[in-house]
Amino acid sequence: PMLPQAAARAADVIILALPWGVAES
């Protein structure tokens, strides 16, 4: 587990699995 920004920074591939209502922010 990591905070989202750190997780995205550490990865080669990012999978977005968020509810659309909160996705933009």
mmCIF file of all heavy atoms, coordinates in Angstrom:
data_MODEL
# 
_entry.id   MODEL 
# 
loop_
_atom_site.group_PDB 
_atom_site.id 
_atom_site.type_symbol 
_atom_site.label_atom_id 
_atom_site.label_alt_id 
_atom_site.label_comp_id 
_atom_site.label_asym_id 
_atom_site.label_entity_id 
_atom_site.label_seq_id 
_atom_site.pdbx_PDB_ins_code 
_atom_site.Cartn_x 
_atom_site.Cartn_y 
_atom_site.Cartn_z 
_atom_site.occupancy 
_atom_site.B_iso_or_equiv 
_atom_site.pdbx_formal_charge 
_atom_site.auth_seq_id 
_atom_site.auth_comp_id 
_atom_site.auth_asym_id 
_atom_site.auth_atom_id 
_atom_site.pdbx_PDB_model_num 
ATOM 1   N N   . PRO A 1 1  ? 0.830   -1.213 0.000   1.00 0.00 ? 1  PRO A N   1 
ATOM 2   C CA  . PRO A 1 1  ? 0.000   0.000  0.000   1.00 0.00 ? 1  PRO A CA  1 
ATOM 3   C C   . PRO A 1 1  ? 0.865   1.263  0.000   1.00 0.00 ? 1  PRO A C   1 
ATOM 4   O O   . PRO A 1 1  ? 1.880   1.329  0.687   1.00 0.00 ? 1  PRO A O   1 
ATOM 5   C CB  . PRO A 1 1  ? -0.797  -0.104 1.316   1.00 0.00 ? 1  PRO A CB  1 
ATOM 6   C CG  . PRO A 1 1  ? -0.510  -1.468 1.868   1.00 0.00 ? 1  PRO A CG  1 
ATOM 7   C CD  . PRO A 1 1  ? 0.791   -1.900 1.288   1.00 0.00 ? 1  PRO A CD  1 
ATOM 8   N N   . MET A 1 2  ? 0.459   2.245  -0.779  1.00 0.00 ? 2  MET A N   1 
ATOM 9   C CA  . MET A 1 2  ? 1.099   3.557  -0.818  1.00 0.00 ? 2  MET A CA  1 
ATOM 10  C C   . MET A 1 2  ? 0.020   4.608  -1.022  1.00 0.00 ? 2  MET A C   1 
ATOM 11  O O   . MET A 1 2  ? -1.075  4.299  -1.509  1.00 0.00 ? 2  MET A O   1 
ATOM 12  C CB  . MET A 1 2  ? 2.106   3.666  -1.971  1.00 0.00 ? 2  MET A CB  1 
ATOM 13  C CG  . MET A 1 2  ? 3.327   2.810  -1.880  1.00 0.00 ? 2  MET A CG  1 
ATOM 14  S SD  . MET A 1 2  ? 4.458   3.189  -3.274  1.00 0.00 ? 2  MET A SD  1 
ATOM 15  C CE  . MET A 1 2  ? 5.732   1.962  -3.004  1.00 0.00 ? 2  MET A CE  1 
ATOM 16  N N   . LEU A 1 3  ? 0.349   5.839  -0.693  1.00 0.00 ? 3  LEU A N   1 
ATOM 17  C CA  . LEU A 1 3  ? -0.541  6.925  -1.052  1.00 0.00 ? 3  LEU A CA  1 
ATOM 18  C C   . LEU A 1 3  ? -0.622  7.007  -2.575  1.00 0.00 ? 3  LEU A C   1 
ATOM 19  O O   . LEU A 1 3  ? 0.340   6.672  -3.273  1.00 0.00 ? 3  LEU A O   1 
ATOM 20  C CB  . LEU A 1 3  ? -0.045  8.234  -0.461  1.00 0.00 ? 3  LEU A CB  1 
ATOM 21  C CG  . LEU A 1 3  ? -0.119  8.333  1.076   1.00 0.00 ? 3  LEU A CG  1 
ATOM 22  C CD1 . LEU A 1 3  ? 0.556   9.614  1.557   1.00 0.00 ? 3  LEU A CD1 1 
ATOM 23  C CD2 . LEU A 1 3  ? -1.563  8.273  1.556   1.00 0.00 ? 3  LEU A CD2 1 
ATOM 24  N N   . PRO A 1 4  ? -1.760  7.429  -3.126  1.00 0.00 ? 4  PRO A N   1 
ATOM 25  C CA  . PRO A 1 4  ? -1.959  7.338  -4.577  1.00 0.00 ? 4  PRO A CA  1 
ATOM 26  C C   . PRO A 1 4  ? -0.869  7.972  -5.425  1.00 0.00 ? 4  PRO A C   1 
ATOM 27  O O   . PRO A 1 4  ? -0.408  7.362  -6.402  1.00 0.00 ? 4  PRO A O   1 
ATOM 28  C CB  . PRO A 1 4  ? -3.309  8.035  -4.777  1.00 0.00 ? 4  PRO A CB  1 
ATOM 29  C CG  . PRO A 1 4  ? -4.045  7.771  -3.502  1.00 0.00 ? 4  PRO A CG  1 
ATOM 30  C CD  . PRO A 1 4  ? -2.992  7.857  -2.429  1.00 0.00 ? 4  PRO A CD  1 
ATOM 31  N N   . GLN A 1 5  ? -0.429  9.178  -5.090  1.00 0.00 ? 5  GLN A N   1 
ATOM 32  C CA  . GLN A 1 5  ? 0.581   9.827  -5.924  1.00 0.00 ? 5  GLN A CA  1 
ATOM 33  C C   . GLN A 1 5  ? 1.888   9.056  -5.901  1.00 0.00 ? 5  GLN A C   1 
ATOM 34  O O   . GLN A 1 5  ? 2.537   8.870  -6.936  1.00 0.00 ? 5  GLN A O   1 
ATOM 35  C CB  . GLN A 1 5  ? 0.804   11.271 -5.486  1.00 0.00 ? 5  GLN A CB  1 
ATOM 36  C CG  . GLN A 1 5  ? 1.712   12.050 -6.423  1.00 0.00 ? 5  GLN A CG  1 
ATOM 37  C CD  . GLN A 1 5  ? 1.904   13.490 -5.993  1.00 0.00 ? 5  GLN A CD  1 
ATOM 38  O OE1 . GLN A 1 5  ? 2.290   13.772 -4.863  1.00 0.00 ? 5  GLN A OE1 1 
ATOM 39  N NE2 . GLN A 1 5  ? 1.606   14.419 -6.898  1.00 0.00 ? 5  GLN A NE2 1 
ATOM 40  N N   . ALA A 1 6  ? 2.286   8.567  -4.727  1.00 0.00 ? 6  ALA A N   1 
ATOM 41  C CA  . ALA A 1 6  ? 3.522   7.790  -4.621  1.00 0.00 ? 6  ALA A CA  1 
ATOM 42  C C   . ALA A 1 6  ? 3.394   6.468  -5.368  1.00 0.00 ? 6  ALA A C   1 
ATOM 43  O O   . ALA A 1 6  ? 4.340   6.006  -6.018  1.00 0.00 ? 6  ALA A O   1 
ATOM 44  C CB  . ALA A 1 6  ? 3.853   7.538  -3.152  1.00 0.00 ? 6  ALA A CB  1 
ATOM 45  N N   . ALA A 1 7  ? 2.214   5.856  -5.305  1.00 0.00 ? 7  ALA A N   1 
ATOM 46  C CA  . ALA A 1 7  ? 1.981   4.600  -6.017  1.00 0.00 ? 7  ALA A CA  1 
ATOM 47  C C   . ALA A 1 7  ? 2.120   4.795  -7.520  1.00 0.00 ? 7  ALA A C   1 
ATOM 48  O O   . ALA A 1 7  ? 2.785   4.013  -8.206  1.00 0.00 ? 7  ALA A O   1 
ATOM 49  C CB  . ALA A 1 7  ? 0.593   4.071  -5.674  1.00 0.00 ? 7  ALA A CB  1 
ATOM 50  N N   . ALA A 1 8  ? 1.507   5.855  -8.033  1.00 0.00 ? 8  ALA A N   1 
ATOM 51  C CA  . ALA A 1 8  ? 1.583   6.126  -9.470  1.00 0.00 ? 8  ALA A CA  1 
ATOM 52  C C   . ALA A 1 8  ? 3.006   6.437  -9.896  1.00 0.00 ? 8  ALA A C   1 
ATOM 53  O O   . ALA A 1 8  ? 3.455   6.008  -10.968 1.00 0.00 ? 8  ALA A O   1 
ATOM 54  C CB  . ALA A 1 8  ? 0.652   7.279  -9.820  1.00 0.00 ? 8  ALA A CB  1 
ATOM 55  N N   . ARG A 1 9  ? 3.731   7.169  -9.069  1.00 0.00 ? 9  ARG A N   1 
ATOM 56  C CA  . ARG A 1 9  ? 5.102   7.534  -9.400  1.00 0.00 ? 9  ARG A CA  1 
ATOM 57  C C   . ARG A 1 9  ? 6.001   6.298  -9.449  1.00 0.00 ? 9  ARG A C   1 
ATOM 58  O O   . ARG A 1 9  ? 6.927   6.222  -10.267 1.00 0.00 ? 9  ARG A O   1 
ATOM 59  C CB  . ARG A 1 9  ? 5.637   8.536  -8.367  1.00 0.00 ? 9  ARG A CB  1 
ATOM 60  C CG  . ARG A 1 9  ? 6.980   9.159  -8.739  1.00 0.00 ? 9  ARG A CG  1 
ATOM 61  C CD  . ARG A 1 9  ? 7.490   10.091 -7.652  1.00 0.00 ? 9  ARG A CD  1 
ATOM 62  N NE  . ARG A 1 9  ? 6.505   11.100 -7.295  1.00 0.00 ? 9  ARG A NE  1 
ATOM 63  C CZ  . ARG A 1 9  ? 5.984   11.250 -6.077  1.00 0.00 ? 9  ARG A CZ  1 
ATOM 64  N NH1 . ARG A 1 9  ? 6.369   10.447 -5.089  1.00 0.00 ? 9  ARG A NH1 1 
ATOM 65  N NH2 . ARG A 1 9  ? 5.103   12.192 -5.833  1.00 0.00 ? 9  ARG A NH2 1 
ATOM 66  N N   . ALA A 1 10 ? 5.716   5.304  -8.602  1.00 0.00 ? 10 ALA A N   1 
ATOM 67  C CA  . ALA A 1 10 ? 6.583   4.127  -8.502  1.00 0.00 ? 10 ALA A CA  1 
ATOM 68  C C   . ALA A 1 10 ? 6.291   3.072  -9.559  1.00 0.00 ? 10 ALA A C   1 
ATOM 69  O O   . ALA A 1 10 ? 7.079   2.144  -9.741  1.00 0.00 ? 10 ALA A O   1 
ATOM 70  C CB  . ALA A 1 10 ? 6.434   3.502  -7.115  1.00 0.00 ? 10 ALA A CB  1 
ATOM 71  N N   . ALA A 1 11 ? 5.178   3.201  -10.280 1.00 0.00 ? 11 ALA A N   1 
ATOM 72  C CA  . ALA A 1 11 ? 4.718   2.126  -11.160 1.00 0.00 ? 11 ALA A CA  1 
ATOM 73  C C   . ALA A 1 11 ? 5.054   2.374  -12.623 1.00 0.00 ? 11 ALA A C   1 
ATOM 74  O O   . ALA A 1 11 ? 5.247   3.508  -13.055 1.00 0.00 ? 11 ALA A O   1 
ATOM 75  C CB  . ALA A 1 11 ? 3.215   1.947  -10.994 1.00 0.00 ? 11 ALA A CB  1 
ATOM 76  N N   . ASP A 1 12 ? 5.064   1.282  -13.378 1.00 0.00 ? 12 ASP A N   1 
ATOM 77  C CA  . ASP A 1 12 ? 5.180   1.351  -14.835 1.00 0.00 ? 12 ASP A CA  1 
ATOM 78  C C   . ASP A 1 12 ? 3.799   1.479  -15.473 1.00 0.00 ? 12 ASP A C   1 
ATOM 79  O O   . ASP A 1 12 ? 3.641   2.114  -16.506 1.00 0.00 ? 12 ASP A O   1 
ATOM 80  C CB  . ASP A 1 12 ? 5.851   0.082  -15.380 1.00 0.00 ? 12 ASP A CB  1 
ATOM 81  C CG  . ASP A 1 12 ? 7.185   -0.190 -14.741 1.00 0.00 ? 12 ASP A CG  1 
ATOM 82  O OD1 . ASP A 1 12 ? 8.036   0.721  -14.736 1.00 0.00 ? 12 ASP A OD1 1 
ATOM 83  O OD2 . ASP A 1 12 ? 7.390   -1.305 -14.224 1.00 0.00 ? 12 ASP A OD2 1 
ATOM 84  N N   . VAL A 1 13 ? 2.824   0.821  -14.856 1.00 0.00 ? 13 VAL A N   1 
ATOM 85  C CA  . VAL A 1 13 ? 1.453   0.803  -15.344 1.00 0.00 ? 13 VAL A CA  1 
ATOM 86  C C   . VAL A 1 13 ? 0.536   1.233  -14.209 1.00 0.00 ? 13 VAL A C   1 
ATOM 87  O O   . VAL A 1 13 ? 0.687   0.765  -13.073 1.00 0.00 ? 13 VAL A O   1 
ATOM 88  C CB  . VAL A 1 13 ? 1.044   -0.601 -15.831 1.00 0.00 ? 13 VAL A CB  1 
ATOM 89  C CG1 . VAL A 1 13 ? -0.421  -0.633 -16.239 1.00 0.00 ? 13 VAL A CG1 1 
ATOM 90  C CG2 . VAL A 1 13 ? 1.930   -1.048 -16.979 1.00 0.00 ? 13 VAL A CG2 1 
ATOM 91  N N   . ILE A 1 14 ? -0.395  2.117  -14.503 1.00 0.00 ? 14 ILE A N   1 
ATOM 92  C CA  . ILE A 1 14 ? -1.354  2.597  -13.510 1.00 0.00 ? 14 ILE A CA  1 
ATOM 93  C C   . ILE A 1 14 ? -2.745  2.177  -13.947 1.00 0.00 ? 14 ILE A C   1 
ATOM 94  O O   . ILE A 1 14 ? -3.148  2.432  -15.092 1.00 0.00 ? 14 ILE A O   1 
ATOM 95  C CB  . ILE A 1 14 ? -1.288  4.133  -13.344 1.00 0.00 ? 14 ILE A CB  1 
ATOM 96  C CG1 . ILE A 1 14 ? 0.087   4.553  -12.811 1.00 0.00 ? 14 ILE A CG1 1 
ATOM 97  C CG2 . ILE A 1 14 ? -2.380  4.627  -12.410 1.00 0.00 ? 14 ILE A CG2 1 
ATOM 98  C CD1 . ILE A 1 14 ? 1.071   4.953  -13.871 1.00 0.00 ? 14 ILE A CD1 1 
ATOM 99  N N   . ILE A 1 15 ? -3.477  1.509  -13.064 1.00 0.00 ? 15 ILE A N   1 
ATOM 100 C CA  . ILE A 1 15 ? -4.848  1.100  -13.335 1.00 0.00 ? 15 ILE A CA  1 
ATOM 101 C C   . ILE A 1 15 ? -5.777  1.989  -12.515 1.00 0.00 ? 15 ILE A C   1 
ATOM 102 O O   . ILE A 1 15 ? -5.674  2.042  -11.285 1.00 0.00 ? 15 ILE A O   1 
ATOM 103 C CB  . ILE A 1 15 ? -5.080  -0.377 -12.978 1.00 0.00 ? 15 ILE A CB  1 
ATOM 104 C CG1 . ILE A 1 15 ? -4.173  -1.278 -13.829 1.00 0.00 ? 15 ILE A CG1 1 
ATOM 105 C CG2 . ILE A 1 15 ? -6.549  -0.761 -13.168 1.00 0.00 ? 15 ILE A CG2 1 
ATOM 106 C CD1 . ILE A 1 15 ? -4.247  -2.749 -13.471 1.00 0.00 ? 15 ILE A CD1 1 
ATOM 107 N N   . LEU A 1 16 ? -6.676  2.692  -13.193 1.00 0.00 ? 16 LEU A N   1 
ATOM 108 C CA  . LEU A 1 16 ? -7.615  3.589  -12.527 1.00 0.00 ? 16 LEU A CA  1 
ATOM 109 C C   . LEU A 1 16 ? -8.907  2.838  -12.246 1.00 0.00 ? 16 LEU A C   1 
ATOM 110 O O   . LEU A 1 16 ? -9.623  2.446  -13.176 1.00 0.00 ? 16 LEU A O   1 
ATOM 111 C CB  . LEU A 1 16 ? -7.888  4.815  -13.392 1.00 0.00 ? 16 LEU A CB  1 
ATOM 112 C CG  . LEU A 1 16 ? -6.671  5.664  -13.759 1.00 0.00 ? 16 LEU A CG  1 
ATOM 113 C CD1 . LEU A 1 16 ? -7.093  6.811  -14.676 1.00 0.00 ? 16 LEU A CD1 1 
ATOM 114 C CD2 . LEU A 1 16 ? -5.976  6.199  -12.511 1.00 0.00 ? 16 LEU A CD2 1 
ATOM 115 N N   . ALA A 1 17 ? -9.198  2.635  -10.965 1.00 0.00 ? 17 ALA A N   1 
ATOM 116 C CA  . ALA A 1 17 ? -10.386 1.892  -10.543 1.00 0.00 ? 17 ALA A CA  1 
ATOM 117 C C   . ALA A 1 17 ? -11.137 2.712  -9.498  1.00 0.00 ? 17 ALA A C   1 
ATOM 118 O O   . ALA A 1 17 ? -11.273 2.310  -8.344  1.00 0.00 ? 17 ALA A O   1 
ATOM 119 C CB  . ALA A 1 17 ? -9.986  0.527  -9.982  1.00 0.00 ? 17 ALA A CB  1 
ATOM 120 N N   . LEU A 1 18 ? -11.620 3.855  -9.945  1.00 0.00 ? 18 LEU A N   1 
ATOM 121 C CA  . LEU A 1 18 ? -12.246 4.831  -9.049  1.00 0.00 ? 18 LEU A CA  1 
ATOM 122 C C   . LEU A 1 18 ? -13.698 5.065  -9.438  1.00 0.00 ? 18 LEU A C   1 
ATOM 123 O O   . LEU A 1 18 ? -14.057 4.928  -10.611 1.00 0.00 ? 18 LEU A O   1 
ATOM 124 C CB  . LEU A 1 18 ? -11.504 6.171  -9.139  1.00 0.00 ? 18 LEU A CB  1 
ATOM 125 C CG  . LEU A 1 18 ? -10.038 6.174  -8.711  1.00 0.00 ? 18 LEU A CG  1 
ATOM 126 C CD1 . LEU A 1 18 ? -9.316  7.362  -9.339  1.00 0.00 ? 18 LEU A CD1 1 
ATOM 127 C CD2 . LEU A 1 18 ? -9.943  6.226  -7.190  1.00 0.00 ? 18 LEU A CD2 1 
ATOM 128 N N   . PRO A 1 19 ? -14.544 5.437  -8.486  1.00 0.00 ? 19 PRO A N   1 
ATOM 129 C CA  . PRO A 1 19 ? -15.890 5.882  -8.870  1.00 0.00 ? 19 PRO A CA  1 
ATOM 130 C C   . PRO A 1 19 ? -15.782 7.147  -9.712  1.00 0.00 ? 19 PRO A C   1 
ATOM 131 O O   . PRO A 1 19 ? -14.963 8.031  -9.430  1.00 0.00 ? 19 PRO A O   1 
ATOM 132 C CB  . PRO A 1 19 ? -16.565 6.174  -7.516  1.00 0.00 ? 19 PRO A CB  1 
ATOM 133 C CG  . PRO A 1 19 ? -15.726 5.488  -6.490  1.00 0.00 ? 19 PRO A CG  1 
ATOM 134 C CD  . PRO A 1 19 ? -14.328 5.462  -7.036  1.00 0.00 ? 19 PRO A CD  1 
ATOM 135 N N   . TRP A 1 20 ? -16.601 7.245  -10.752 1.00 0.00 ? 20 TRP A N   1 
ATOM 136 C CA  . TRP A 1 20 ? -16.494 8.375  -11.664 1.00 0.00 ? 20 TRP A CA  1 
ATOM 137 C C   . TRP A 1 20 ? -16.702 9.707  -10.954 1.00 0.00 ? 20 TRP A C   1 
ATOM 138 O O   . TRP A 1 20 ? -16.090 10.719 -11.308 1.00 0.00 ? 20 TRP A O   1 
ATOM 139 C CB  . TRP A 1 20 ? -17.484 8.222  -12.806 1.00 0.00 ? 20 TRP A CB  1 
ATOM 140 C CG  . TRP A 1 20 ? -17.346 9.291  -13.843 1.00 0.00 ? 20 TRP A CG  1 
ATOM 141 C CD1 . TRP A 1 20 ? -18.191 10.328 -14.095 1.00 0.00 ? 20 TRP A CD1 1 
ATOM 142 C CD2 . TRP A 1 20 ? -16.252 9.451  -14.768 1.00 0.00 ? 20 TRP A CD2 1 
ATOM 143 N NE1 . TRP A 1 20 ? -17.704 11.109 -15.120 1.00 0.00 ? 20 TRP A NE1 1 
ATOM 144 C CE2 . TRP A 1 20 ? -16.517 10.590 -15.551 1.00 0.00 ? 20 TRP A CE2 1 
ATOM 145 C CE3 . TRP A 1 20 ? -15.078 8.714  -15.012 1.00 0.00 ? 20 TRP A CE3 1 
ATOM 146 C CZ2 . TRP A 1 20 ? -15.663 11.030 -16.551 1.00 0.00 ? 20 TRP A CZ2 1 
ATOM 147 C CZ3 . TRP A 1 20 ? -14.233 9.162  -16.015 1.00 0.00 ? 20 TRP A CZ3 1 
ATOM 148 C CH2 . TRP A 1 20 ? -14.521 10.301 -16.772 1.00 0.00 ? 20 TRP A CH2 1 
ATOM 149 N N   . GLY A 1 21 ? -17.526 9.729  -9.927  1.00 0.00 ? 21 GLY A N   1 
ATOM 150 C CA  . GLY A 1 21 ? -17.814 10.979 -9.241  1.00 0.00 ? 21 GLY A CA  1 
ATOM 151 C C   . GLY A 1 21 ? -16.613 11.621 -8.569  1.00 0.00 ? 21 GLY A C   1 
ATOM 152 O O   . GLY A 1 21 ? -16.604 12.831 -8.344  1.00 0.00 ? 21 GLY A O   1 
ATOM 153 N N   . VAL A 1 22 ? -15.607 10.833 -8.242  1.00 0.00 ? 22 VAL A N   1 
ATOM 154 C CA  . VAL A 1 22 ? -14.407 11.382 -7.594  1.00 0.00 ? 22 VAL A CA  1 
ATOM 155 C C   . VAL A 1 22 ? -13.189 11.319 -8.517  1.00 0.00 ? 22 VAL A C   1 
ATOM 156 O O   . VAL A 1 22 ? -12.090 11.698 -8.121  1.00 0.00 ? 22 VAL A O   1 
ATOM 157 C CB  . VAL A 1 22 ? -14.084 10.637 -6.275  1.00 0.00 ? 22 VAL A CB  1 
ATOM 158 C CG1 . VAL A 1 22 ? -15.273 10.688 -5.330  1.00 0.00 ? 22 VAL A CG1 1 
ATOM 159 C CG2 . VAL A 1 22 ? -13.670 9.185  -6.537  1.00 0.00 ? 22 VAL A CG2 1 
ATOM 160 N N   . ALA A 1 23 ? -13.393 10.835 -9.734  1.00 0.00 ? 23 ALA A N   1 
ATOM 161 C CA  . ALA A 1 23 ? -12.255 10.538 -10.600 1.00 0.00 ? 23 ALA A CA  1 
ATOM 162 C C   . ALA A 1 23 ? -11.436 11.769 -10.955 1.00 0.00 ? 23 ALA A C   1 
ATOM 163 O O   . ALA A 1 23 ? -10.201 11.728 -10.916 1.00 0.00 ? 23 ALA A O   1 
ATOM 164 C CB  . ALA A 1 23 ? -12.732 9.840  -11.873 1.00 0.00 ? 23 ALA A CB  1 
ATOM 165 N N   . GLU A 1 24 ? -12.075 12.858 -11.310 1.00 0.00 ? 24 GLU A N   1 
ATOM 166 C CA  . GLU A 1 24 ? -11.308 14.015 -11.800 1.00 0.00 ? 24 GLU A CA  1 
ATOM 167 C C   . GLU A 1 24 ? -10.316 14.513 -10.757 1.00 0.00 ? 24 GLU A C   1 
ATOM 168 O O   . GLU A 1 24 ? -9.123  14.668 -11.054 1.00 0.00 ? 24 GLU A O   1 
ATOM 169 C CB  . GLU A 1 24 ? -12.243 15.146 -12.213 1.00 0.00 ? 24 GLU A CB  1 
ATOM 170 C CG  . GLU A 1 24 ? -11.472 16.360 -12.748 1.00 0.00 ? 24 GLU A CG  1 
ATOM 171 C CD  . GLU A 1 24 ? -12.364 17.444 -13.310 1.00 0.00 ? 24 GLU A CD  1 
ATOM 172 O OE1 . GLU A 1 24 ? -13.596 17.339 -13.172 1.00 0.00 ? 24 GLU A OE1 1 
ATOM 173 O OE2 . GLU A 1 24 ? -11.821 18.414 -13.907 1.00 0.00 ? 24 GLU A OE2 1 
ATOM 174 N N   . SER A 1 25 ? -10.784 14.753 -9.554  1.00 0.00 ? 25 SER A N   1 
ATOM 175 C CA  . SER A 1 25 ? -9.879  15.270 -8.526  1.00 0.00 ? 25 SER A CA  1 
ATOM 176 C C   . SER A 1 25 ? -8.810  14.241 -8.163  1.00 0.00 ? 25 SER A C   1 
ATOM 177 O O   . SER A 1 25 ? -7.639  14.584 -7.978  1.00 0.00 ? 25 SER A O   1 
ATOM 178 C CB  . SER A 1 25 ? -10.659 15.691 -7.278  1.00 0.00 ? 25 SER A CB  1 
ATOM 179 O OG  . SER A 1 25 ? -11.384 14.592 -6.745  1.00 0.00 ? 25 SER A OG  1 
# 
